[in-house]
Structure formats: structure tokens, C-alpha cells
């Protein structure tokens, strides 16, 4: 999700500081009421700039994962978790997005 621009943030804060209510500001600028509170707190701290961390949340490189799967086809999610330093759920989601399944088929004899 992309952050709102600094100009909108300044307009929201200015509106409230000039006597408008926080609820009215939220409605007028089409933002959540909590967003108005957040912008007011940020303005007291001195900066309305959005965080610079957008887009750096990915920790698991898909190409590195593909290479690992080719070299270690029989490894489990728990083993991969230790290698990559992320949760097994993160690996599971990434594998699904890449279209890779860990399903193994075992032929069961009908003579049982």
C-alpha cells in the first residue's frame, strides 16, 4: 500500500489546527479518523514525511528459493526455515506463488 503524500498530510493538519474537527477532516479528505490522529501526532514531532521503509519487507528471494529446491528437492519446510531464517509459513506462501509444490506421491501396493 502506498503512503499518502505530504501535501495531503499538511492540509489535514492545517484544517484541524484552524478549528475543524478531526471527524470532519477525516470525512473531507477521505481518510480514516485514526489517520488524522496519526498526522497530528507526527506534526507535533516535526515531520509529516512517510516512512522510508516501503517495499523492503521481503526477506525471501524467490530465485534463491528455486535454486535451493533444485539442489535439495527432499527438504522439508522446517529445514528450509532454518536455512533461510524465516517462518515456514513464509516459505509455504512463496512456494505457492512460484507454483512449486512439495507434495510427494508414494505408490502403495495393492497387496496389503
PDB file of N, CA and C in Angstrom:
ATOM      1  N   UNK A   1       0.837  -1.171   0.000  1.00  0.00           N
ATOM      2  CA  UNK A   1       0.000   0.000   0.000  1.00  0.00           C
ATOM      3  C   UNK A   1       0.883   1.235   0.000  1.00  0.00           C
ATOM      4  N   UNK A   2       0.525   2.188  -0.806  1.00  0.00           N
ATOM      5  CA  UNK A   2       1.323   3.398  -0.932  1.00  0.00           C
ATOM      6  C   UNK A   2       0.871   4.446   0.088  1.00  0.00           C
ATOM      7  N   UNK A   3       1.828   5.189   0.619  1.00  0.00           N
ATOM      8  CA  UNK A   3       1.540   6.206   1.632  1.00  0.00           C
ATOM      9  C   UNK A   3       0.935   7.445   0.985  1.00  0.00           C
ATOM     10  N   UNK A   4       0.112   8.157   1.762  1.00  0.00           N
ATOM     11  CA  UNK A   4      -0.426   9.435   1.294  1.00  0.00           C
ATOM     12  C   UNK A   4       0.700  10.451   1.199  1.00  0.00           C
ATOM     13  N   UNK A   5       0.551  11.409   0.274  1.00  0.00           N
ATOM     14  CA  UNK A   5       1.565  12.423   0.056  1.00  0.00           C
ATOM     15  C   UNK A   5       1.633  13.437   1.188  1.00  0.00           C
ATOM     16  N   UNK A   6       2.749  14.157   1.236  1.00  0.00           N
ATOM     17  CA  UNK A   6       2.990  15.138   2.286  1.00  0.00           C
ATOM     18  C   UNK A   6       1.999  16.296   2.172  1.00  0.00           C
ATOM     19  N   UNK A   7       1.634  16.689   0.962  1.00  0.00           N
ATOM     20  CA  UNK A   7       0.700  17.808   0.780  1.00  0.00           C
ATOM     21  C   UNK A   7      -0.651  17.506   1.420  1.00  0.00           C
ATOM     22  N   UNK A   8      -1.169  16.303   1.215  1.00  0.00           N
ATOM     23  CA  UNK A   8      -2.440  15.927   1.844  1.00  0.00           C
ATOM     24  C   UNK A   8      -2.306  15.928   3.358  1.00  0.00           C
ATOM     25  N   UNK A   9      -1.224  15.431   3.846  1.00  0.00           N
ATOM     26  CA  UNK A   9      -0.984  15.399   5.287  1.00  0.00           C
ATOM     27  C   UNK A   9      -0.983  16.818   5.868  1.00  0.00           C
ATOM     28  N   UNK A  10      -0.326  17.741   5.159  1.00  0.00           N
ATOM     29  CA  UNK A  10      -0.288  19.137   5.614  1.00  0.00           C
ATOM     30  C   UNK A  10      -1.685  19.756   5.607  1.00  0.00           C
ATOM     31  N   UNK A  11      -2.479  19.463   4.581  1.00  0.00           N
ATOM     32  CA  UNK A  11      -3.833  20.019   4.507  1.00  0.00           C
ATOM     33  C   UNK A  11      -4.705  19.495   5.648  1.00  0.00           C
ATOM     34  N   UNK A  12      -4.564  18.210   5.966  1.00  0.00           N
ATOM     35  CA  UNK A  12      -5.347  17.628   7.063  1.00  0.00           C
ATOM     36  C   UNK A  12      -4.983  18.299   8.386  1.00  0.00           C
ATOM     37  N   UNK A  13      -3.697  18.418   8.657  1.00  0.00           N
ATOM     38  CA  UNK A  13      -3.238  19.024   9.906  1.00  0.00           C
ATOM     39  C   UNK A  13      -3.662  20.491   9.964  1.00  0.00           C
ATOM     40  N   UNK A  14      -3.509  21.205   8.867  1.00  0.00           N
ATOM     41  CA  UNK A  14      -3.884  22.615   8.812  1.00  0.00           C
ATOM     42  C   UNK A  14      -5.377  22.795   9.077  1.00  0.00           C
ATOM     43  N   UNK A  15      -6.194  21.929   8.500  1.00  0.00           N
ATOM     44  CA  UNK A  15      -7.641  22.001   8.688  1.00  0.00           C
ATOM     45  C   UNK A  15      -8.006  21.876  10.161  1.00  0.00           C
ATOM     46  N   UNK A  16      -7.403  20.915  10.844  1.00  0.00           N
ATOM     47  CA  UNK A  16      -7.710  20.694  12.264  1.00  0.00           C
ATOM     48  C   UNK A  16      -7.175  21.839  13.117  1.00  0.00           C
ATOM     49  N   UNK A  17      -5.977  22.319  12.798  1.00  0.00           N
ATOM     50  CA  UNK A  17      -5.394  23.417  13.568  1.00  0.00           C
ATOM     51  C   UNK A  17      -6.170  24.718  13.407  1.00  0.00           C
ATOM     52  N   UNK A  18      -6.878  24.875  12.282  1.00  0.00           N
ATOM     53  CA  UNK A  18      -7.679  26.078  12.040  1.00  0.00           C
ATOM     54  C   UNK A  18      -9.074  25.974  12.651  1.00  0.00           C
ATOM     55  N   UNK A  19      -9.342  24.899  13.375  1.00  0.00           N
ATOM     56  CA  UNK A  19     -10.599  24.798  14.100  1.00  0.00           C
ATOM     57  C   UNK A  19     -11.545  23.720  13.619  1.00  0.00           C
ATOM     58  N   UNK A  20     -11.206  23.012  12.568  1.00  0.00           N
ATOM     59  CA  UNK A  20     -12.057  21.926  12.099  1.00  0.00           C
ATOM     60  C   UNK A  20     -11.947  20.716  13.010  1.00  0.00           C
ATOM     61  N   UNK A  21     -12.998  19.931  13.048  1.00  0.00           N
ATOM     62  CA  UNK A  21     -12.956  18.743  13.904  1.00  0.00           C
ATOM     63  C   UNK A  21     -12.187  17.623  13.203  1.00  0.00           C
ATOM     64  N   UNK A  22     -11.721  16.694  13.999  1.00  0.00           N
ATOM     65  CA  UNK A  22     -10.969  15.566  13.445  1.00  0.00           C
ATOM     66  C   UNK A  22     -11.868  14.676  12.595  1.00  0.00           C
ATOM     67  N   UNK A  23     -13.093  14.488  13.031  1.00  0.00           N
ATOM     68  CA  UNK A  23     -14.044  13.681  12.268  1.00  0.00           C
ATOM     69  C   UNK A  23     -14.374  14.338  10.930  1.00  0.00           C
ATOM     70  N   UNK A  24     -14.570  15.636  10.957  1.00  0.00           N
ATOM     71  CA  UNK A  24     -14.863  16.362   9.724  1.00  0.00           C
ATOM     72  C   UNK A  24     -13.672  16.313   8.764  1.00  0.00           C
ATOM     73  N   UNK A  25     -12.473  16.404   9.310  1.00  0.00           N
ATOM     74  CA  UNK A  25     -11.269  16.318   8.480  1.00  0.00           C
ATOM     75  C   UNK A  25     -11.179  14.944   7.818  1.00  0.00           C
ATOM     76  N   UNK A  26     -11.491  13.913   8.572  1.00  0.00           N
ATOM     77  CA  UNK A  26     -11.450  12.556   8.018  1.00  0.00           C
ATOM     78  C   UNK A  26     -12.444  12.419   6.873  1.00  0.00           C
ATOM     79  N   UNK A  27     -13.636  12.959   7.062  1.00  0.00           N
ATOM     80  CA  UNK A  27     -14.652  12.878   6.005  1.00  0.00           C
ATOM     81  C   UNK A  27     -14.273  13.726   4.794  1.00  0.00           C
ATOM     82  N   UNK A  28     -13.810  14.937   5.046  1.00  0.00           N
ATOM     83  CA  UNK A  28     -13.495  15.857   3.950  1.00  0.00           C
ATOM     84  C   UNK A  28     -12.355  15.333   3.077  1.00  0.00           C
ATOM     85  N   UNK A  29     -11.311  14.797   3.699  1.00  0.00           N
ATOM     86  CA  UNK A  29     -10.135  14.346   2.956  1.00  0.00           C
ATOM     87  C   UNK A  29     -10.153  12.851   2.645  1.00  0.00           C
ATOM     88  N   UNK A  30     -11.261  12.190   3.031  1.00  0.00           N
ATOM     89  CA  UNK A  30     -11.465  10.766   2.735  1.00  0.00           C
ATOM     90  C   UNK A  30     -10.313   9.897   3.252  1.00  0.00           C
ATOM     91  N   UNK A  31     -10.007  10.092   4.525  1.00  0.00           N
ATOM     92  CA  UNK A  31      -9.023   9.250   5.214  1.00  0.00           C
ATOM     93  C   UNK A  31      -9.673   8.728   6.482  1.00  0.00           C
ATOM     94  N   UNK A  32      -9.087   7.732   7.080  1.00  0.00           N
ATOM     95  CA  UNK A  32      -9.606   7.183   8.330  1.00  0.00           C
ATOM     96  C   UNK A  32      -9.378   8.179   9.468  1.00  0.00           C
ATOM     97  N   UNK A  33     -10.244   8.135  10.463  1.00  0.00           N
ATOM     98  CA  UNK A  33     -10.119   9.044  11.603  1.00  0.00           C
ATOM     99  C   UNK A  33      -8.781   8.821  12.313  1.00  0.00           C
ATOM    100  N   UNK A  34      -8.357   7.574  12.415  1.00  0.00           N
ATOM    101  CA  UNK A  34      -7.068   7.280  13.048  1.00  0.00           C
ATOM    102  C   UNK A  34      -5.917   7.916  12.272  1.00  0.00           C
ATOM    103  N   UNK A  35      -6.057   8.024  10.960  1.00  0.00           N
ATOM    104  CA  UNK A  35      -5.032   8.661  10.137  1.00  0.00           C
ATOM    105  C   UNK A  35      -4.888  10.126  10.528  1.00  0.00           C
ATOM    106  N   UNK A  36      -5.992  10.794  10.784  1.00  0.00           N
ATOM    107  CA  UNK A  36      -5.951  12.198  11.210  1.00  0.00           C
ATOM    108  C   UNK A  36      -5.177  12.310  12.525  1.00  0.00           C
ATOM    109  N   UNK A  37      -5.484  11.440  13.483  1.00  0.00           N
ATOM    110  CA  UNK A  37      -4.764  11.444  14.759  1.00  0.00           C
ATOM    111  C   UNK A  37      -3.269  11.187  14.545  1.00  0.00           C
ATOM    112  N   UNK A  38      -2.953  10.276  13.660  1.00  0.00           N
ATOM    113  CA  UNK A  38      -1.552   9.955  13.377  1.00  0.00           C
ATOM    114  C   UNK A  38      -0.827  11.164  12.799  1.00  0.00           C
ATOM    115  N   UNK A  39      -1.466  11.854  11.852  1.00  0.00           N
ATOM    116  CA  UNK A  39      -0.847  13.032  11.243  1.00  0.00           C
ATOM    117  C   UNK A  39      -0.649  14.151  12.263  1.00  0.00           C
ATOM    118  N   UNK A  40      -1.601  14.316  13.159  1.00  0.00           N
ATOM    119  CA  UNK A  40      -1.454  15.342  14.189  1.00  0.00           C
ATOM    120  C   UNK A  40      -0.288  15.027  15.122  1.00  0.00           C
ATOM    121  N   UNK A  41      -0.144  13.759  15.481  1.00  0.00           N
ATOM    122  CA  UNK A  41       0.979  13.343  16.328  1.00  0.00           C
ATOM    123  C   UNK A  41       2.305  13.530  15.584  1.00  0.00           C
ATOM    124  N   UNK A  42       2.306  13.213  14.306  1.00  0.00           N
ATOM    125  CA  UNK A  42       3.522  13.381  13.514  1.00  0.00           C
ATOM    126  C   UNK A  42       3.903  14.855  13.400  1.00  0.00           C
ATOM    127  N   UNK A  43       2.905  15.717  13.255  1.00  0.00           N
ATOM    128  CA  UNK A  43       3.211  17.151  13.128  1.00  0.00           C
ATOM    129  C   UNK A  43       3.804  17.701  14.427  1.00  0.00           C
ATOM    130  N   UNK A  44       3.387  17.166  15.567  1.00  0.00           N
ATOM    131  CA  UNK A  44       3.968  17.589  16.843  1.00  0.00           C
ATOM    132  C   UNK A  44       5.422  17.159  16.945  1.00  0.00           C
ATOM    133  N   UNK A  45       5.742  16.014  16.331  1.00  0.00           N
ATOM    134  CA  UNK A  45       7.128  15.530  16.326  1.00  0.00           C
ATOM    135  C   UNK A  45       7.985  16.289  15.323  1.00  0.00           C
ATOM    136  N   UNK A  46       7.326  17.007  14.402  1.00  0.00           N
ATOM    137  CA  UNK A  46       8.084  17.866  13.489  1.00  0.00           C
ATOM    138  C   UNK A  46       8.176  17.409  12.052  1.00  0.00           C
ATOM    139  N   UNK A  47       7.686  16.233  11.703  1.00  0.00           N
ATOM    140  CA  UNK A  47       7.814  15.761  10.333  1.00  0.00           C
ATOM    141  C   UNK A  47       6.560  15.005   9.903  1.00  0.00           C
ATOM    142  N   UNK A  48       6.084  15.340   8.725  1.00  0.00           N
ATOM    143  CA  UNK A  48       4.934  14.628   8.155  1.00  0.00           C
ATOM    144  C   UNK A  48       5.361  13.687   7.025  1.00  0.00           C
ATOM    145  N   UNK A  49       6.653  13.492   6.886  1.00  0.00           N
ATOM    146  CA  UNK A  49       7.173  12.610   5.831  1.00  0.00           C
ATOM    147  C   UNK A  49       6.780  11.167   6.097  1.00  0.00           C
ATOM    148  N   UNK A  50       6.399  10.422   5.040  1.00  0.00           N
ATOM    149  CA  UNK A  50       6.100   8.999   5.241  1.00  0.00           C
ATOM    150  C   UNK A  50       7.361   8.214   5.544  1.00  0.00           C
ATOM    151  N   UNK A  51       7.188   7.051   6.127  1.00  0.00           N
ATOM    152  CA  UNK A  51       8.323   6.192   6.434  1.00  0.00           C
ATOM    153  C   UNK A  51       9.045   5.807   5.147  1.00  0.00           C
ATOM    154  N   UNK A  52      10.334   5.633   5.246  1.00  0.00           N
ATOM    155  CA  UNK A  52      11.141   5.298   4.066  1.00  0.00           C
ATOM    156  C   UNK A  52      11.243   3.795   3.833  1.00  0.00           C
ATOM    157  N   UNK A  53      10.602   2.995   4.666  1.00  0.00           N
ATOM    158  CA  UNK A  53      10.779   1.547   4.603  1.00  0.00           C
ATOM    159  C   UNK A  53       9.830   0.841   3.640  1.00  0.00           C
ATOM    160  N   UNK A  54       9.053   1.563   2.849  1.00  0.00           N
ATOM    161  CA  UNK A  54       8.088   0.918   1.961  1.00  0.00           C
ATOM    162  C   UNK A  54       8.799   0.030   0.950  1.00  0.00           C
ATOM    163  N   UNK A  55       8.354  -1.212   0.861  1.00  0.00           N
ATOM    164  CA  UNK A  55       8.863  -2.125  -0.152  1.00  0.00           C
ATOM    165  C   UNK A  55      10.065  -2.947   0.270  1.00  0.00           C
ATOM    166  N   UNK A  56      10.563  -2.796   1.474  1.00  0.00           N
ATOM    167  CA  UNK A  56      11.738  -3.560   1.870  1.00  0.00           C
ATOM    168  C   UNK A  56      11.380  -4.716   2.794  1.00  0.00           C
ATOM    169  N   UNK A  57      10.128  -5.139   2.804  1.00  0.00           N
ATOM    170  CA  UNK A  57       9.684  -6.172   3.736  1.00  0.00           C
ATOM    171  C   UNK A  57      10.030  -7.570   3.272  1.00  0.00           C
ATOM    172  N   UNK A  58      10.380  -7.745   2.022  1.00  0.00           N
ATOM    173  CA  UNK A  58      10.643  -9.088   1.520  1.00  0.00           C
ATOM    174  C   UNK A  58      11.992  -9.591   1.999  1.00  0.00           C
ATOM    175  N   UNK A  59      11.964 -10.744   2.598  1.00  0.00           N
ATOM    176  CA  UNK A  59      13.185 -11.333   3.126  1.00  0.00           C
ATOM    177  C   UNK A  59      13.603 -12.584   2.365  1.00  0.00           C
ATOM    178  N   UNK A  60      12.704 -13.142   1.583  1.00  0.00           N
ATOM    179  CA  UNK A  60      12.963 -14.414   0.935  1.00  0.00           C
ATOM    180  C   UNK A  60      13.032 -14.220  -0.574  1.00  0.00           C
ATOM    181  N   UNK A  61      14.232 -14.328  -1.109  1.00  0.00           N
ATOM    182  CA  UNK A  61      14.447 -14.149  -2.545  1.00  0.00           C
ATOM    183  C   UNK A  61      13.915 -15.360  -3.301  1.00  0.00           C
ATOM    184  N   UNK A  62      12.998 -15.168  -4.256  1.00  0.00           N
ATOM    185  CA  UNK A  62      12.409 -16.306  -4.953  1.00  0.00           C
ATOM    186  C   UNK A  62      13.426 -17.117  -5.769  1.00  0.00           C
ATOM    187  N   UNK A  63      14.400 -16.453  -6.347  1.00  0.00           N
ATOM    188  CA  UNK A  63      15.396 -17.190  -7.136  1.00  0.00           C
ATOM    189  C   UNK A  63      16.298 -18.039  -6.249  1.00  0.00           C
ATOM    190  N   UNK A  64      16.624 -17.516  -5.084  1.00  0.00           N
ATOM    191  CA  UNK A  64      17.431 -18.295  -4.129  1.00  0.00           C
ATOM    192  C   UNK A  64      16.649 -19.525  -3.660  1.00  0.00           C
ATOM    193  N   UNK A  65      15.337 -19.347  -3.458  1.00  0.00           N
ATOM    194  CA  UNK A  65      14.488 -20.460  -3.043  1.00  0.00           C
ATOM    195  C   UNK A  65      14.405 -21.521  -4.143  1.00  0.00           C
ATOM    196  N   UNK A  66      14.215 -21.082  -5.392  1.00  0.00           N
ATOM    197  CA  UNK A  66      14.176 -22.038  -6.530  1.00  0.00           C
ATOM    198  C   UNK A  66      15.463 -22.850  -6.604  1.00  0.00           C
ATOM    199  N   UNK A  67      16.589 -22.173  -6.468  1.00  0.00           N
ATOM    200  CA  UNK A  67      17.884 -22.849  -6.540  1.00  0.00           C
ATOM    201  C   UNK A  67      18.023 -23.871  -5.415  1.00  0.00           C
ATOM    202  N   UNK A  68      17.595 -23.479  -4.222  1.00  0.00           N
ATOM    203  CA  UNK A  68      17.672 -24.385  -3.080  1.00  0.00           C
ATOM    204  C   UNK A  68      16.806 -25.617  -3.311  1.00  0.00           C
ATOM    205  N   UNK A  69      15.593 -25.424  -3.857  1.00  0.00           N
ATOM    206  CA  UNK A  69      14.679 -26.540  -4.114  1.00  0.00           C
ATOM    207  C   UNK A  69      15.284 -27.504  -5.137  1.00  0.00           C
ATOM    208  N   UNK A  70      15.945 -26.967  -6.167  1.00  0.00           N
ATOM    209  CA  UNK A  70      16.575 -27.832  -7.173  1.00  0.00           C
ATOM    210  C   UNK A  70      17.693 -28.674  -6.573  1.00  0.00           C
ATOM    211  N   UNK A  71      18.459 -28.070  -5.661  1.00  0.00           N
ATOM    212  CA  UNK A  71      19.583 -28.775  -5.048  1.00  0.00           C
ATOM    213  C   UNK A  71      19.157 -29.700  -3.910  1.00  0.00           C
ATOM    214  N   UNK A  72      18.079 -29.349  -3.216  1.00  0.00           N
ATOM    215  CA  UNK A  72      17.622 -30.116  -2.056  1.00  0.00           C
ATOM    216  C   UNK A  72      16.132 -30.407  -2.209  1.00  0.00           C
ATOM    217  N   UNK A  73      15.784 -31.205  -3.176  1.00  0.00           N
ATOM    218  CA  UNK A  73      14.379 -31.450  -3.508  1.00  0.00           C
ATOM    219  C   UNK A  73      13.609 -32.153  -2.385  1.00  0.00           C
ATOM    220  N   UNK A  74      14.288 -32.869  -1.527  1.00  0.00           N
ATOM    221  CA  UNK A  74      13.588 -33.625  -0.491  1.00  0.00           C
ATOM    222  C   UNK A  74      13.544 -32.909   0.864  1.00  0.00           C
ATOM    223  N   UNK A  75      13.928 -31.636   0.915  1.00  0.00           N
ATOM    224  CA  UNK A  75      13.944 -30.921   2.192  1.00  0.00           C
ATOM    225  C   UNK A  75      12.529 -30.516   2.610  1.00  0.00           C
ATOM    226  N   UNK A  76      12.341 -30.424   3.904  1.00  0.00           N
ATOM    227  CA  UNK A  76      11.035 -30.070   4.460  1.00  0.00           C
ATOM    228  C   UNK A  76      10.964 -28.558   4.695  1.00  0.00           C
ATOM    229  N   UNK A  77       9.752 -28.089   4.989  1.00  0.00           N
ATOM    230  CA  UNK A  77       9.575 -26.672   5.287  1.00  0.00           C
ATOM    231  C   UNK A  77      10.375 -26.265   6.514  1.00  0.00           C
ATOM    232  N   UNK A  78      10.423 -27.141   7.503  1.00  0.00           N
ATOM    233  CA  UNK A  78      11.161 -26.835   8.723  1.00  0.00           C
ATOM    234  C   UNK A  78      12.670 -26.732   8.464  1.00  0.00           C
ATOM    235  N   UNK A  79      13.178 -27.556   7.565  1.00  0.00           N
ATOM    236  CA  UNK A  79      14.596 -27.466   7.203  1.00  0.00           C
ATOM    237  C   UNK A  79      14.872 -26.173   6.452  1.00  0.00           C
ATOM    238  N   UNK A  80      13.959 -25.804   5.551  1.00  0.00           N
ATOM    239  CA  UNK A  80      14.119 -24.558   4.801  1.00  0.00           C
ATOM    240  C   UNK A  80      14.024 -23.349   5.722  1.00  0.00           C
ATOM    241  N   UNK A  81      13.193 -23.462   6.744  1.00  0.00           N
ATOM    242  CA  UNK A  81      13.026 -22.395   7.724  1.00  0.00           C
ATOM    243  C   UNK A  81      14.366 -22.069   8.379  1.00  0.00           C
ATOM    244  N   UNK A  82      15.135 -23.084   8.703  1.00  0.00           N
ATOM    245  CA  UNK A  82      16.435 -22.883   9.337  1.00  0.00           C
ATOM    246  C   UNK A  82      17.448 -22.293   8.365  1.00  0.00           C
ATOM    247  N   UNK A  83      17.380 -22.694   7.105  1.00  0.00           N
ATOM    248  CA  UNK A  83      18.330 -22.217   6.101  1.00  0.00           C
ATOM    249  C   UNK A  83      18.093 -20.743   5.772  1.00  0.00           C
ATOM    250  N   UNK A  84      16.828 -20.356   5.581  1.00  0.00           N
ATOM    251  CA  UNK A  84      16.510 -19.007   5.130  1.00  0.00           C
ATOM    252  C   UNK A  84      16.253 -18.019   6.262  1.00  0.00           C
ATOM    253  N   UNK A  85      16.046 -18.504   7.467  1.00  0.00           N
ATOM    254  CA  UNK A  85      15.833 -17.612   8.594  1.00  0.00           C
ATOM    255  C   UNK A  85      14.475 -16.923   8.603  1.00  0.00           C
ATOM    256  N   UNK A  86      13.486 -17.556   7.996  1.00  0.00           N
ATOM    257  CA  UNK A  86      12.113 -17.038   8.001  1.00  0.00           C
ATOM    258  C   UNK A  86      11.192 -18.150   8.474  1.00  0.00           C
ATOM    259  N   UNK A  87       9.930 -17.812   8.710  1.00  0.00           N
ATOM    260  CA  UNK A  87       8.998 -18.825   9.188  1.00  0.00           C
ATOM    261  C   UNK A  87       8.644 -19.813   8.076  1.00  0.00           C
ATOM    262  N   UNK A  88       8.188 -20.987   8.479  1.00  0.00           N
ATOM    263  CA  UNK A  88       7.804 -21.982   7.480  1.00  0.00           C
ATOM    264  C   UNK A  88       6.586 -21.504   6.693  1.00  0.00           C
ATOM    265  N   UNK A  89       5.754 -20.666   7.318  1.00  0.00           N
ATOM    266  CA  UNK A  89       4.605 -20.126   6.604  1.00  0.00           C
ATOM    267  C   UNK A  89       5.050 -19.201   5.470  1.00  0.00           C
ATOM    268  N   UNK A  90       6.080 -18.407   5.694  1.00  0.00           N
ATOM    269  CA  UNK A  90       6.617 -17.527   4.656  1.00  0.00           C
ATOM    270  C   UNK A  90       7.097 -18.348   3.469  1.00  0.00           C
ATOM    271  N   UNK A  91       7.786 -19.440   3.758  1.00  0.00           N
ATOM    272  CA  UNK A  91       8.274 -20.313   2.691  1.00  0.00           C
ATOM    273  C   UNK A  91       7.115 -20.950   1.960  1.00  0.00           C
ATOM    274  N   UNK A  92       6.115 -21.394   2.693  1.00  0.00           N
ATOM    275  CA  UNK A  92       4.936 -22.025   2.110  1.00  0.00           C
ATOM    276  C   UNK A  92       4.223 -21.073   1.144  1.00  0.00           C
ATOM    277  N   UNK A  93       4.032 -19.838   1.573  1.00  0.00           N
ATOM    278  CA  UNK A  93       3.358 -18.841   0.735  1.00  0.00           C
ATOM    279  C   UNK A  93       4.165 -18.559  -0.521  1.00  0.00           C
ATOM    280  N   UNK A  94       5.486 -18.405  -0.366  1.00  0.00           N
ATOM    281  CA  UNK A  94       6.350 -18.117  -1.511  1.00  0.00           C
ATOM    282  C   UNK A  94       6.352 -19.288  -2.497  1.00  0.00           C
ATOM    283  N   UNK A  95       6.377 -20.514  -1.987  1.00  0.00           N
ATOM    284  CA  UNK A  95       6.342 -21.686  -2.866  1.00  0.00           C
ATOM    285  C   UNK A  95       5.034 -21.732  -3.655  1.00  0.00           C
ATOM    286  N   UNK A  96       3.926 -21.415  -2.993  1.00  0.00           N
ATOM    287  CA  UNK A  96       2.637 -21.387  -3.693  1.00  0.00           C
ATOM    288  C   UNK A  96       2.626 -20.332  -4.782  1.00  0.00           C
ATOM    289  N   UNK A  97       3.194 -19.169  -4.513  1.00  0.00           N
ATOM    290  CA  UNK A  97       3.247 -18.108  -5.522  1.00  0.00           C
ATOM    291  C   UNK A  97       4.116 -18.501  -6.704  1.00  0.00           C
ATOM    292  N   UNK A  98       5.142 -19.296  -6.439  1.00  0.00           N
ATOM    293  CA  UNK A  98       6.028 -19.758  -7.507  1.00  0.00           C
ATOM    294  C   UNK A  98       5.478 -20.982  -8.235  1.00  0.00           C
ATOM    295  N   UNK A  99       4.404 -21.550  -7.718  1.00  0.00           N
ATOM    296  CA  UNK A  99       3.814 -22.735  -8.337  1.00  0.00           C
ATOM    297  C   UNK A  99       4.564 -24.014  -8.039  1.00  0.00           C
ATOM    298  N   UNK A 100       5.294 -24.029  -6.950  1.00  0.00           N
ATOM    299  CA  UNK A 100       6.079 -25.205  -6.570  1.00  0.00           C
ATOM    300  C   UNK A 100       5.346 -25.920  -5.442  1.00  0.00           C
ATOM    301  N   UNK A 101       5.153 -27.213  -5.596  1.00  0.00           N
ATOM    302  CA  UNK A 101       4.526 -27.992  -4.541  1.00  0.00           C
ATOM    303  C   UNK A 101       5.560 -28.924  -3.926  1.00  0.00           C
ATOM    304  N   UNK A 102       5.356 -29.249  -2.693  1.00  0.00           N
ATOM    305  CA  UNK A 102       6.250 -30.180  -2.001  1.00  0.00           C
ATOM    306  C   UNK A 102       5.603 -31.548  -1.849  1.00  0.00           C
ATOM    307  N   UNK A 103       4.532 -31.733  -2.579  1.00  0.00           N
ATOM    308  CA  UNK A 103       3.795 -32.983  -2.470  1.00  0.00           C
ATOM    309  C   UNK A 103       4.598 -34.122  -3.093  1.00  0.00           C
ATOM    310  N   UNK A 104       4.695 -35.200  -2.368  1.00  0.00           N
ATOM    311  CA  UNK A 104       5.346 -36.380  -2.906  1.00  0.00           C
ATOM    312  C   UNK A 104       4.306 -37.477  -3.017  1.00  0.00           C
ATOM    313  N   UNK A 105       4.400 -38.231  -4.054  1.00  0.00           N
ATOM    314  CA  UNK A 105       3.464 -39.342  -4.223  1.00  0.00           C
ATOM    315  C   UNK A 105       4.202 -40.639  -3.945  1.00  0.00           C
ATOM    316  N   UNK A 106       3.572 -41.455  -3.157  1.00  0.00           N
ATOM    317  CA  UNK A 106       4.132 -42.756  -2.824  1.00  0.00           C
ATOM    318  C   UNK A 106       3.214 -43.817  -3.419  1.00  0.00           C
ATOM    319  N   UNK A 107       3.790 -44.728  -4.134  1.00  0.00           N
ATOM    320  CA  UNK A 107       2.997 -45.807  -4.691  1.00  0.00           C
ATOM    321  C   UNK A 107       2.745 -46.814  -3.602  1.00  0.00           C
ATOM    322  N   UNK A 108       1.484 -47.089  -3.376  1.00  0.00           N
ATOM    323  CA  UNK A 108       1.097 -48.045  -2.328  1.00  0.00           C
ATOM    324  C   UNK A 108       0.709 -49.340  -3.017  1.00  0.00           C
ATOM    325  N   UNK A 109       1.286 -50.367  -2.530  1.00  0.00           N
ATOM    326  CA  UNK A 109       0.998 -51.671  -3.104  1.00  0.00           C
ATOM    327  C   UNK A 109      -0.460 -52.069  -2.801  1.00  0.00           C
ATOM    328  N   UNK A 110      -1.123 -52.638  -3.763  1.00  0.00           N
ATOM    329  CA  UNK A 110      -2.495 -53.073  -3.596  1.00  0.00           C
ATOM    330  C   UNK A 110      -2.591 -54.419  -2.891  1.00  0.00           C
ATOM    331  N   UNK A 111      -1.472 -55.020  -2.518  1.00  0.00           N
ATOM    332  CA  UNK A 111      -1.452 -56.339  -1.908  1.00  0.00           C
ATOM    333  C   UNK A 111      -1.562 -56.279  -0.390  1.00  0.00           C
ATOM    334  N   UNK A 112      -1.792 -55.163   0.186  1.00  0.00           N
ATOM    335  CA  UNK A 112      -1.878 -55.038   1.638  1.00  0.00           C
ATOM    336  C   UNK A 112      -3.058 -55.730   2.137  1.00  0.00           C
TER     337      UNK A 112
END
